[in-house]
């Protein structure tokens, strides 16, 4: 008669077979290259960060990590690919803070980053800066807000596109202060920055990595939306310092696996991701692209994403941003 231990072993093996995994597949994971989905084009901040992470994670896992760029449809193409992938640890995806905003921006977006995937870890954070063309008569954020109210329709701001973090950051400012700011969406933050420098638009919302364009006075940076002053802009106040703690836009980056990924594989990925994020060399690489290393294991990361989604569920409708199909 089988004992309880043998019954448990048989049950576990049955579950693994249902998931398409032979019992030995988790023990020798990974035994072949791993695919890392990036939901943005090559050369974007998410792509650069993902490739840096992939290089160091590859060293830890002892296997090649192949970056697979799947941009389009407001990240849904990449999310579809991850959701359909086998839960065997050989397909992963870099997720960003936009994943918790999209359900309230895109009618057809059908994924919850916690319920429909397996959270692995939070990896990094960054934030946004607000900058103006030097010809705009505003040396502080308060002066810009006052100028916009006195000149309705005159202050146009650029972002990397409708519904992105850079767009939402300024809409939070507009909602909080009543500033009269007109959105001009671009197909990327780089073109928005170039037009702000050229005076085609008055204001631009930039990620820290792109904000280097402001060096030398090409743009005047008025505020940053993070938890503290970033060393790149040590003389620029945060929105919290300016009395607007609610105007905060932390862009975050994490790692997801397909739904129902087995615990032994999750544990290995968590362990190696933790090691990568805490390497001084990796932290220095992140700093160079305007990001800070940040670590959360699966449970905490899942709670973090749920809380983020609850925040956007209230804020985005209040901003009056129409949902797209």
Protein backbone atom coordinates (compact mmCIF):
# COMPACT_ATOMS: atom_id res chain seq x y z
CA UNK A 1 0.00 0.00 0.00
CA UNK A 2 1.54 3.36 -0.98
CA UNK A 3 2.48 5.66 1.88
CA UNK A 4 1.62 9.36 2.09
CA UNK A 5 5.02 10.47 0.75
CA UNK A 6 4.71 8.33 -2.38
CA UNK A 7 1.18 9.63 -2.96
CA UNK A 8 2.46 13.22 -2.73
CA UNK A 9 5.26 12.48 -5.19
CA UNK A 10 2.81 10.91 -7.63
CA UNK A 11 0.44 13.88 -7.27
CA UNK A 12 3.26 16.38 -7.89
CA UNK A 13 4.38 14.47 -10.95
CA UNK A 14 0.81 14.51 -12.25
CA UNK A 15 0.54 18.27 -11.84
CA UNK A 16 3.85 18.78 -13.63
CA UNK A 17 2.74 16.57 -16.52
CA UNK A 18 -0.47 18.59 -16.81
CA UNK A 19 1.70 21.69 -17.11
CA UNK A 20 3.72 20.05 -19.85
CA UNK A 21 6.76 19.46 -17.62
CA UNK A 22 8.55 16.22 -17.00
CA UNK A 23 9.73 15.88 -13.37
CA UNK A 24 13.37 16.37 -14.34
CA UNK A 25 12.72 19.59 -16.24
CA UNK A 26 12.60 21.74 -13.11
CA UNK A 27 15.68 20.13 -11.59
CA UNK A 28 18.02 20.95 -14.49
CA UNK A 29 16.44 24.31 -15.38
CA UNK A 30 17.55 25.98 -17.53
CA UNK A 31 18.95 23.45 -19.99
CA UNK A 32 18.50 25.61 -23.11
CA UNK A 33 18.29 29.31 -24.05
CA UNK A 34 15.64 31.49 -22.40
CA UNK A 35 13.54 34.03 -24.33
CA UNK A 36 13.01 37.50 -22.80
CA UNK A 37 10.12 39.44 -24.32
CA UNK A 38 10.48 43.23 -24.51
CA UNK A 39 7.24 45.07 -25.31
CA UNK A 40 8.96 48.13 -26.82
CA UNK A 41 11.21 48.69 -29.86
CA UNK A 42 14.96 48.16 -29.87
CA UNK A 43 16.79 51.16 -28.43
CA UNK A 44 14.00 52.18 -26.04
CA UNK A 45 14.71 52.50 -22.32
CA UNK A 46 12.85 49.27 -21.58
CA UNK A 47 14.88 47.51 -24.27
CA UNK A 48 18.21 48.82 -22.98
CA UNK A 49 17.35 47.91 -19.39
CA UNK A 50 16.11 44.48 -20.45
CA UNK A 51 19.30 43.74 -22.37
CA UNK A 52 21.49 44.80 -19.45
CA UNK A 53 19.49 42.54 -17.16
CA UNK A 54 19.58 39.69 -19.68
CA UNK A 55 23.38 39.83 -19.90
CA UNK A 56 23.87 39.48 -16.16
CA UNK A 57 21.04 36.97 -15.67
CA UNK A 58 22.53 34.85 -18.46
CA UNK A 59 25.80 34.67 -16.53
CA UNK A 60 23.94 33.58 -13.41
CA UNK A 61 21.82 30.95 -15.16
CA UNK A 62 24.59 29.64 -17.38
CA UNK A 63 22.37 29.91 -20.45
CA UNK A 64 21.92 32.37 -23.29
CA UNK A 65 18.99 34.78 -22.93
CA UNK A 66 17.56 35.81 -26.29
CA UNK A 67 15.83 39.20 -26.35
CA UNK A 68 12.60 39.14 -28.37
CA UNK A 69 11.22 42.62 -29.10
CA UNK A 70 7.42 42.49 -29.46
CA UNK A 71 6.27 46.14 -29.62
CA UNK A 72 2.83 47.33 -30.58
CA UNK A 73 -0.81 47.57 -29.49
CA UNK A 74 0.19 49.34 -26.27
CA UNK A 75 2.29 46.31 -25.14
CA UNK A 76 -0.51 43.81 -25.76
CA UNK A 77 1.39 41.94 -28.50
CA UNK A 78 4.15 41.06 -26.05
CA UNK A 79 1.68 40.26 -23.28
CA UNK A 80 -0.20 37.91 -25.62
CA UNK A 81 3.03 36.07 -26.39
CA UNK A 82 3.85 35.61 -22.71
CA UNK A 83 0.34 34.53 -21.78
CA UNK A 84 0.36 31.83 -24.47
CA UNK A 85 3.87 30.57 -23.67
CA UNK A 86 4.47 27.28 -21.87
CA UNK A 87 4.95 27.74 -18.11
CA UNK A 88 8.40 26.17 -18.21
CA UNK A 89 10.62 29.17 -17.44
CA UNK A 90 11.88 29.49 -21.00
CA UNK A 91 9.80 32.58 -21.80
CA UNK A 92 9.94 35.67 -19.57
CA UNK A 93 8.94 39.31 -20.04
CA UNK A 94 10.02 42.71 -18.77
CA UNK A 95 6.89 44.42 -17.43
CA UNK A 96 6.61 48.15 -16.76
CA UNK A 97 4.34 50.43 -14.77
CA UNK A 98 2.17 50.90 -17.86
CA UNK A 99 0.78 47.39 -17.28
CA UNK A 100 -1.24 48.68 -14.31
CA UNK A 101 -2.48 51.72 -16.27
CA UNK A 102 -3.55 50.04 -19.50
CA UNK A 103 -6.77 48.42 -18.21
CA UNK A 104 -8.08 51.98 -17.71
CA UNK A 105 -6.75 53.34 -21.01
CA UNK A 106 -7.40 50.60 -23.58
CA UNK A 107 -10.79 48.89 -23.85
CA UNK A 108 -9.40 45.73 -25.43
CA UNK A 109 -6.49 45.29 -23.00
CA UNK A 110 -7.30 42.01 -21.30
CA UNK A 111 -4.54 41.29 -18.82
CA UNK A 112 -4.07 41.74 -15.10
CA UNK A 113 -0.30 41.56 -14.45
CA UNK A 114 -0.85 39.62 -11.22
CA UNK A 115 -3.78 37.31 -12.05
CA UNK A 116 -2.80 36.49 -15.63
CA UNK A 117 0.95 36.03 -15.17
CA UNK A 118 3.45 34.89 -12.55
CA UNK A 119 5.25 37.82 -10.87
CA UNK A 120 8.96 37.15 -10.38
CA UNK A 121 10.50 40.40 -9.12
CA UNK A 122 10.64 44.16 -9.24
CA UNK A 123 13.99 45.12 -10.78
CA UNK A 124 14.30 48.89 -11.14
CA UNK A 125 12.59 52.26 -10.94
CA UNK A 126 12.95 55.64 -12.60
CA UNK A 127 10.91 58.80 -12.76
CA UNK A 128 9.92 61.83 -14.82
CA UNK A 129 11.11 65.41 -15.13
CA UNK A 130 9.16 68.43 -16.36
CA UNK A 131 11.17 70.77 -18.58
CA UNK A 132 10.47 73.85 -20.70
CA UNK A 133 12.10 75.63 -23.59
CA UNK A 134 14.34 78.42 -22.20
CA UNK A 135 12.19 81.06 -23.92
CA UNK A 136 9.18 80.15 -21.77
CA UNK A 137 8.93 82.84 -19.04
CA UNK A 138 8.99 80.41 -16.12
CA UNK A 139 11.91 79.57 -13.86
CA UNK A 140 9.87 77.46 -11.43
CA UNK A 141 6.98 75.04 -11.71
CA UNK A 142 4.72 77.52 -9.91
CA UNK A 143 5.57 80.18 -12.49
CA UNK A 144 4.81 77.76 -15.33
CA UNK A 145 1.43 76.91 -13.82
CA UNK A 146 0.59 80.60 -13.41
CA UNK A 147 1.75 81.39 -16.95
CA UNK A 148 -0.39 78.58 -18.40
CA UNK A 149 -3.49 79.83 -16.60
CA UNK A 150 -2.87 83.39 -17.78
CA UNK A 151 -2.34 82.20 -21.36
CA UNK A 152 -4.90 79.45 -22.07
CA UNK A 153 -3.91 77.08 -24.84
CA UNK A 154 -0.42 78.56 -25.16
CA UNK A 155 1.56 75.92 -23.24
CA UNK A 156 1.81 72.75 -25.31
CA UNK A 157 3.59 69.78 -23.81
CA UNK A 158 4.99 66.74 -25.55
CA UNK A 159 5.18 63.16 -24.34
CA UNK A 160 6.07 59.79 -25.81
CA UNK A 161 2.43 59.01 -26.60
CA UNK A 162 -1.13 58.88 -25.27
CA UNK A 163 -1.47 56.82 -22.10
CA UNK A 164 2.24 56.48 -21.44
CA UNK A 165 3.84 57.31 -18.10
CA UNK A 166 5.19 60.62 -19.43
CA UNK A 167 1.70 61.67 -20.52
CA UNK A 168 0.06 60.58 -17.27
CA UNK A 169 2.66 62.45 -15.20
CA UNK A 170 1.67 65.82 -16.70
CA UNK A 171 -2.03 64.98 -16.49
CA UNK A 172 -1.55 64.41 -12.77
CA UNK A 173 -0.01 67.87 -12.54
CA UNK A 174 -2.87 69.38 -14.54
CA UNK A 175 -5.48 67.63 -12.38
CA UNK A 176 -3.81 68.76 -9.15
CA UNK A 177 -3.15 72.39 -10.09
CA UNK A 178 -5.62 73.31 -12.81
CA UNK A 179 -2.75 74.23 -15.12
CA UNK A 180 -3.79 74.86 -18.74
CA UNK A 181 -1.53 72.39 -20.55
CA UNK A 182 -2.25 71.07 -24.05
CA UNK A 183 -1.00 67.57 -24.85
CA UNK A 184 0.93 66.95 -28.07
CA UNK A 185 1.59 63.19 -28.34
CA UNK A 186 4.68 61.91 -30.15
CA UNK A 187 5.76 58.44 -31.21
CA UNK A 188 8.60 58.59 -28.71
CA UNK A 189 10.11 60.83 -26.07
CA UNK A 190 13.16 61.64 -28.19
CA UNK A 191 11.20 63.54 -30.83
CA UNK A 192 9.23 65.36 -28.15
CA UNK A 193 12.49 66.47 -26.53
CA UNK A 194 13.91 67.62 -29.87
CA UNK A 195 10.83 69.73 -30.60
CA UNK A 196 10.96 71.26 -27.11
CA UNK A 197 14.60 72.23 -27.67
CA UNK A 198 13.67 73.71 -31.06
CA UNK A 199 10.76 75.67 -29.58
CA UNK A 200 8.06 73.79 -31.49
CA UNK A 201 6.41 73.04 -28.14
CA UNK A 202 6.81 74.86 -24.84
CA UNK A 203 7.08 71.96 -22.39
CA UNK A 204 8.10 68.32 -22.38
CA UNK A 205 7.75 65.40 -19.99
CA UNK A 206 10.88 63.25 -20.04
CA UNK A 207 12.24 60.14 -18.41
CA UNK A 208 15.54 60.63 -16.60
CA UNK A 209 17.50 58.89 -19.35
CA UNK A 210 16.15 61.23 -22.05
CA UNK A 211 16.48 64.28 -19.81
CA UNK A 212 20.22 64.47 -20.49
CA UNK A 213 19.20 66.54 -23.52
CA UNK A 214 18.61 69.39 -21.05
CA UNK A 215 22.30 69.58 -20.19
CA UNK A 216 23.98 72.82 -21.21
CA UNK A 217 20.77 74.81 -20.96
CA UNK A 218 18.98 73.35 -23.99
CA UNK A 219 15.95 72.94 -21.73
CA UNK A 220 15.10 74.30 -18.29
CA UNK A 221 14.18 71.48 -15.89
CA UNK A 222 11.61 72.68 -13.35
CA UNK A 223 10.71 69.60 -11.30
CA UNK A 224 11.12 65.86 -10.97
CA UNK A 225 8.43 63.40 -9.89
CA UNK A 226 10.44 60.85 -7.92
CA UNK A 227 10.81 60.13 -4.20
CA UNK A 228 13.98 62.22 -3.97
CA UNK A 229 16.29 64.38 -6.07
CA UNK A 230 18.19 62.28 -8.57
CA UNK A 231 21.95 63.04 -8.68
CA UNK A 232 21.58 63.92 -12.38
CA UNK A 233 19.41 66.87 -11.30
CA UNK A 234 20.54 67.53 -7.76
CA UNK A 235 19.46 71.19 -7.92
CA UNK A 236 15.95 70.45 -9.21
CA UNK A 237 13.20 70.06 -6.58
CA UNK A 238 10.80 67.14 -6.44
CA UNK A 239 7.08 67.72 -6.76
CA UNK A 240 6.74 66.66 -3.12
CA UNK A 241 9.14 69.43 -2.08
CA UNK A 242 6.94 71.84 -4.02
CA UNK A 243 3.88 70.82 -2.00
CA UNK A 244 2.50 68.32 -4.52
CA UNK A 245 3.26 64.84 -3.14
CA UNK A 246 0.36 63.38 -5.16
CA UNK A 247 2.07 64.38 -8.41
CA UNK A 248 4.46 61.46 -8.33
CA UNK A 249 5.31 59.21 -11.25
CA UNK A 250 7.57 56.30 -10.47
CA UNK A 251 8.20 54.28 -13.59
CA UNK A 252 9.02 50.73 -12.56
CA UNK A 253 10.36 47.66 -14.34
CA UNK A 254 9.86 44.05 -13.31
CA UNK A 255 10.03 40.46 -14.47
CA UNK A 256 7.05 38.23 -15.26
CA UNK A 257 6.70 34.58 -16.25
CA UNK A 258 3.69 32.82 -17.84
CA UNK A 259 0.77 31.85 -15.60
CA UNK A 260 1.19 28.65 -13.56
CA UNK A 261 4.99 28.61 -13.73
CA UNK A 262 6.15 25.91 -11.24
CA UNK A 263 7.49 27.06 -7.89
CA UNK A 264 10.98 25.50 -8.31
CA UNK A 265 11.51 27.51 -11.50
CA UNK A 266 10.13 30.68 -9.91
CA UNK A 267 12.46 30.19 -6.93
CA UNK A 268 15.50 29.85 -9.21
CA UNK A 269 14.57 32.98 -11.15
CA UNK A 270 13.94 34.93 -7.94
CA UNK A 271 17.28 33.88 -6.49
CA UNK A 272 19.28 34.78 -9.59
CA UNK A 273 17.38 38.03 -10.23
CA UNK A 274 18.07 39.10 -6.66
CA UNK A 275 21.76 38.43 -7.18
CA UNK A 276 21.81 40.46 -10.41
CA UNK A 277 19.98 43.47 -8.98
CA UNK A 278 22.31 43.62 -5.99
CA UNK A 279 25.52 43.50 -8.02
CA UNK A 280 27.31 46.88 -7.83
CA UNK A 281 28.17 46.63 -11.52
CA UNK A 282 24.54 46.21 -12.53
CA UNK A 283 23.46 49.08 -10.30
CA UNK A 284 26.06 51.31 -11.96
CA UNK A 285 24.77 50.34 -15.41
CA UNK A 286 21.24 51.25 -14.35
CA UNK A 287 22.38 54.60 -12.98
CA UNK A 288 23.92 55.47 -16.36
CA UNK A 289 20.54 55.06 -18.05
CA UNK A 290 18.65 57.05 -15.41
CA UNK A 291 17.32 54.12 -13.37
CA UNK A 292 17.72 52.92 -9.80
CA UNK A 293 17.98 49.26 -8.85
CA UNK A 294 14.99 48.17 -6.78
CA UNK A 295 14.14 44.72 -5.48
CA UNK A 296 10.89 43.03 -4.49
CA UNK A 297 10.24 39.28 -4.45
CA UNK A 298 7.07 37.78 -6.00
CA UNK A 299 4.51 38.24 -3.21
CA UNK A 300 5.49 41.82 -2.43
CA UNK A 301 5.76 42.64 -6.14
CA UNK A 302 2.25 41.31 -6.72
CA UNK A 303 0.85 43.44 -3.89
CA UNK A 304 2.76 46.44 -5.24
CA UNK A 305 1.19 46.00 -8.70
CA UNK A 306 -2.31 45.57 -7.25
CA UNK A 307 -1.95 48.78 -5.24
CA UNK A 308 -0.63 50.60 -8.31
CA UNK A 309 -3.64 49.45 -10.34
CA UNK A 310 -6.06 50.66 -7.64
CA UNK A 311 -4.44 54.09 -7.76
CA UNK A 312 -4.80 54.38 -11.54
CA UNK A 313 -8.36 53.05 -11.45
CA UNK A 314 -9.30 56.23 -9.56
CA UNK A 315 -6.93 58.75 -11.14
CA UNK A 316 -7.08 58.02 -14.87
CA UNK A 317 -10.86 58.48 -15.25
CA UNK A 318 -10.59 61.72 -13.26
CA UNK A 319 -8.05 62.99 -15.81
CA UNK A 320 -10.61 62.70 -18.58
CA UNK A 321 -8.34 60.68 -20.87
CA UNK A 322 -10.63 58.86 -23.33
CA UNK A 323 -10.16 55.11 -23.60
CA UNK A 324 -8.98 53.79 -26.95
CA UNK A 325 -10.10 50.58 -28.60
